[in-house]
N, C-alpha and C. Protein backbone atom coordinates (compact mmCIF):
# COMPACT_ATOMS: atom_id res chain seq x y z
N MET A 1 -14.61 -17.60 -18.41
CA MET A 1 -13.56 -17.55 -17.40
C MET A 1 -12.53 -18.62 -17.75
N ASP A 2 -11.25 -18.27 -17.71
CA ASP A 2 -10.23 -19.25 -18.02
C ASP A 2 -9.85 -20.05 -16.78
N ASN A 3 -9.13 -21.14 -16.99
CA ASN A 3 -8.78 -22.05 -15.89
C ASN A 3 -7.89 -21.40 -14.85
N GLU A 4 -7.06 -20.45 -15.26
CA GLU A 4 -6.16 -19.78 -14.31
C GLU A 4 -6.94 -19.10 -13.20
N HIS A 5 -8.10 -18.54 -13.55
CA HIS A 5 -8.89 -17.80 -12.57
C HIS A 5 -9.99 -18.64 -11.94
N ALA A 6 -10.16 -19.88 -12.38
CA ALA A 6 -11.26 -20.72 -11.90
C ALA A 6 -11.18 -20.97 -10.39
N THR A 7 -9.99 -21.13 -9.85
CA THR A 7 -9.84 -21.41 -8.42
C THR A 7 -9.24 -20.23 -7.68
N ASP A 8 -9.20 -19.08 -8.32
CA ASP A 8 -8.59 -17.89 -7.72
C ASP A 8 -9.43 -17.42 -6.52
N ARG A 9 -8.73 -16.97 -5.50
CA ARG A 9 -9.40 -16.48 -4.29
C ARG A 9 -10.04 -15.11 -4.57
N LEU A 10 -11.27 -14.95 -4.11
CA LEU A 10 -11.95 -13.66 -4.21
C LEU A 10 -11.69 -12.88 -2.93
N ILE A 11 -11.31 -11.61 -3.08
CA ILE A 11 -11.00 -10.80 -1.91
C ILE A 11 -11.91 -9.58 -1.85
N LYS A 12 -12.07 -9.07 -0.64
CA LYS A 12 -12.96 -7.94 -0.38
C LYS A 12 -12.25 -6.62 -0.69
N PRO A 13 -13.03 -5.55 -0.87
CA PRO A 13 -12.43 -4.25 -1.16
C PRO A 13 -11.39 -3.80 -0.13
N GLY A 14 -11.62 -4.10 1.13
CA GLY A 14 -10.65 -3.73 2.17
C GLY A 14 -9.32 -4.44 2.00
N GLU A 15 -9.38 -5.69 1.54
CA GLU A 15 -8.14 -6.44 1.30
C GLU A 15 -7.39 -5.87 0.10
N VAL A 16 -8.14 -5.49 -0.94
CA VAL A 16 -7.52 -4.86 -2.11
C VAL A 16 -6.87 -3.55 -1.68
N ALA A 17 -7.57 -2.78 -0.89
CA ALA A 17 -7.06 -1.49 -0.41
C ALA A 17 -5.76 -1.68 0.38
N ALA A 18 -5.72 -2.71 1.22
CA ALA A 18 -4.51 -2.97 2.01
C ALA A 18 -3.34 -3.33 1.10
N LEU A 19 -3.59 -4.13 0.08
CA LEU A 19 -2.52 -4.50 -0.86
C LEU A 19 -2.02 -3.29 -1.64
N ALA A 20 -2.95 -2.40 -2.00
CA ALA A 20 -2.60 -1.24 -2.82
C ALA A 20 -2.15 -0.04 -2.00
N GLY A 21 -2.42 -0.07 -0.69
CA GLY A 21 -2.05 1.08 0.15
C GLY A 21 -2.95 2.28 -0.08
N VAL A 22 -4.22 2.02 -0.36
CA VAL A 22 -5.19 3.10 -0.60
C VAL A 22 -6.41 2.89 0.28
N ASP A 23 -7.31 3.85 0.27
CA ASP A 23 -8.56 3.77 1.00
C ASP A 23 -9.52 2.84 0.25
N PRO A 24 -10.36 2.09 0.97
CA PRO A 24 -11.33 1.22 0.29
C PRO A 24 -12.25 1.95 -0.69
N LYS A 25 -12.55 3.21 -0.43
CA LYS A 25 -13.38 3.99 -1.37
C LYS A 25 -12.67 4.16 -2.71
N THR A 26 -11.35 4.21 -2.70
CA THR A 26 -10.59 4.30 -3.94
C THR A 26 -10.77 3.02 -4.76
N VAL A 27 -10.77 1.88 -4.08
CA VAL A 27 -10.99 0.60 -4.75
C VAL A 27 -12.37 0.59 -5.41
N THR A 28 -13.37 1.08 -4.71
CA THR A 28 -14.72 1.17 -5.26
C THR A 28 -14.74 2.07 -6.49
N ARG A 29 -14.04 3.17 -6.42
CA ARG A 29 -13.96 4.10 -7.55
C ARG A 29 -13.31 3.42 -8.76
N TRP A 30 -12.21 2.68 -8.52
CA TRP A 30 -11.55 1.95 -9.61
C TRP A 30 -12.51 0.98 -10.26
N ALA A 31 -13.30 0.28 -9.44
CA ALA A 31 -14.26 -0.70 -9.97
C ALA A 31 -15.34 -0.01 -10.80
N ARG A 32 -15.86 1.10 -10.29
CA ARG A 32 -16.92 1.83 -11.01
C ARG A 32 -16.45 2.34 -12.36
N THR A 33 -15.18 2.76 -12.44
CA THR A 33 -14.66 3.31 -13.70
C THR A 33 -14.19 2.23 -14.66
N GLY A 34 -14.19 0.97 -14.20
CA GLY A 34 -13.77 -0.12 -15.07
C GLY A 34 -12.29 -0.43 -15.01
N ALA A 35 -11.55 0.27 -14.17
CA ALA A 35 -10.11 0.04 -14.06
C ALA A 35 -9.77 -1.25 -13.32
N LEU A 36 -10.71 -1.73 -12.52
CA LEU A 36 -10.49 -2.93 -11.72
C LEU A 36 -11.69 -3.86 -11.90
N PRO A 37 -11.47 -4.99 -12.60
CA PRO A 37 -12.59 -5.92 -12.81
C PRO A 37 -13.04 -6.57 -11.50
N TYR A 38 -14.32 -6.87 -11.42
CA TYR A 38 -14.86 -7.46 -10.20
C TYR A 38 -16.01 -8.39 -10.54
N THR A 39 -16.40 -9.18 -9.56
CA THR A 39 -17.60 -10.00 -9.64
C THR A 39 -18.49 -9.56 -8.49
N THR A 40 -19.77 -9.84 -8.60
CA THR A 40 -20.71 -9.41 -7.57
C THR A 40 -21.31 -10.63 -6.87
N THR A 41 -21.39 -10.56 -5.55
CA THR A 41 -22.01 -11.64 -4.78
C THR A 41 -23.53 -11.55 -4.94
N LEU A 42 -24.22 -12.57 -4.46
CA LEU A 42 -25.69 -12.54 -4.51
C LEU A 42 -26.25 -11.37 -3.72
N GLY A 43 -25.52 -10.93 -2.70
CA GLY A 43 -25.96 -9.80 -1.90
C GLY A 43 -25.59 -8.44 -2.49
N GLY A 44 -24.92 -8.45 -3.64
CA GLY A 44 -24.58 -7.20 -4.32
C GLY A 44 -23.23 -6.61 -3.94
N HIS A 45 -22.41 -7.37 -3.22
CA HIS A 45 -21.09 -6.88 -2.81
C HIS A 45 -20.04 -7.22 -3.85
N ARG A 46 -19.11 -6.30 -4.05
CA ARG A 46 -18.05 -6.55 -5.02
C ARG A 46 -16.95 -7.42 -4.41
N ARG A 47 -16.44 -8.34 -5.23
CA ARG A 47 -15.29 -9.16 -4.86
C ARG A 47 -14.33 -9.14 -6.04
N TYR A 48 -13.05 -9.21 -5.72
CA TYR A 48 -12.00 -9.07 -6.72
C TYR A 48 -11.12 -10.31 -6.74
N ARG A 49 -10.72 -10.75 -7.91
CA ARG A 49 -9.83 -11.91 -8.03
C ARG A 49 -8.44 -11.48 -7.59
N GLU A 50 -7.90 -12.21 -6.62
CA GLU A 50 -6.60 -11.85 -6.05
C GLU A 50 -5.50 -11.81 -7.10
N SER A 51 -5.50 -12.76 -8.02
CA SER A 51 -4.44 -12.80 -9.04
C SER A 51 -4.50 -11.58 -9.95
N VAL A 52 -5.70 -11.13 -10.29
CA VAL A 52 -5.86 -9.95 -11.15
C VAL A 52 -5.39 -8.70 -10.41
N VAL A 53 -5.76 -8.58 -9.15
CA VAL A 53 -5.34 -7.43 -8.34
C VAL A 53 -3.82 -7.39 -8.24
N ARG A 54 -3.23 -8.53 -7.93
CA ARG A 54 -1.76 -8.59 -7.79
C ARG A 54 -1.08 -8.24 -9.11
N GLU A 55 -1.63 -8.72 -10.22
CA GLU A 55 -1.05 -8.43 -11.53
C GLU A 55 -1.12 -6.93 -11.83
N LEU A 56 -2.28 -6.33 -11.58
CA LEU A 56 -2.45 -4.89 -11.84
C LEU A 56 -1.54 -4.03 -10.96
N LEU A 57 -1.29 -4.50 -9.73
CA LEU A 57 -0.45 -3.75 -8.80
C LEU A 57 1.04 -4.07 -8.96
N GLY A 58 1.35 -5.06 -9.79
CA GLY A 58 2.74 -5.45 -9.98
C GLY A 58 3.31 -6.22 -8.81
N LEU A 59 2.44 -6.93 -8.07
CA LEU A 59 2.87 -7.72 -6.92
C LEU A 59 3.10 -9.16 -7.36
N PRO A 60 3.96 -9.89 -6.64
CA PRO A 60 4.21 -11.29 -7.00
C PRO A 60 2.96 -12.16 -6.79
N LYS A 61 2.87 -13.23 -7.58
CA LYS A 61 1.76 -14.17 -7.43
C LYS A 61 1.91 -14.94 -6.15
N VAL A 62 0.77 -15.33 -5.60
CA VAL A 62 0.75 -16.17 -4.42
C VAL A 62 0.75 -17.62 -4.89
N GLU A 63 1.68 -18.42 -4.38
CA GLU A 63 1.75 -19.82 -4.76
C GLU A 63 0.61 -20.59 -4.13
N GLU A 64 0.00 -21.47 -4.90
CA GLU A 64 -1.10 -22.29 -4.39
C GLU A 64 -0.52 -23.40 -3.52
N GLU A 65 -1.26 -23.71 -2.45
CA GLU A 65 -0.84 -24.80 -1.57
C GLU A 65 -1.33 -26.11 -2.15
N ALA A 66 -0.49 -27.14 -2.08
CA ALA A 66 -0.86 -28.45 -2.65
C ALA A 66 -1.65 -29.27 -1.67
């Protein structure tokens, strides 16, 4: 993992869906097909790096608070 993503916020499938304007099941489908990288929690839930999601969707980066 590179330093850019080391402190990146992990977001839930519903949050990804809201950013993309799609159903959460679509986000799950993207993850299963490899189109959307994810990490898994200890409980087996998928989480997505906000910066990666924003980059893939063509959305502006969120500035970090100092």
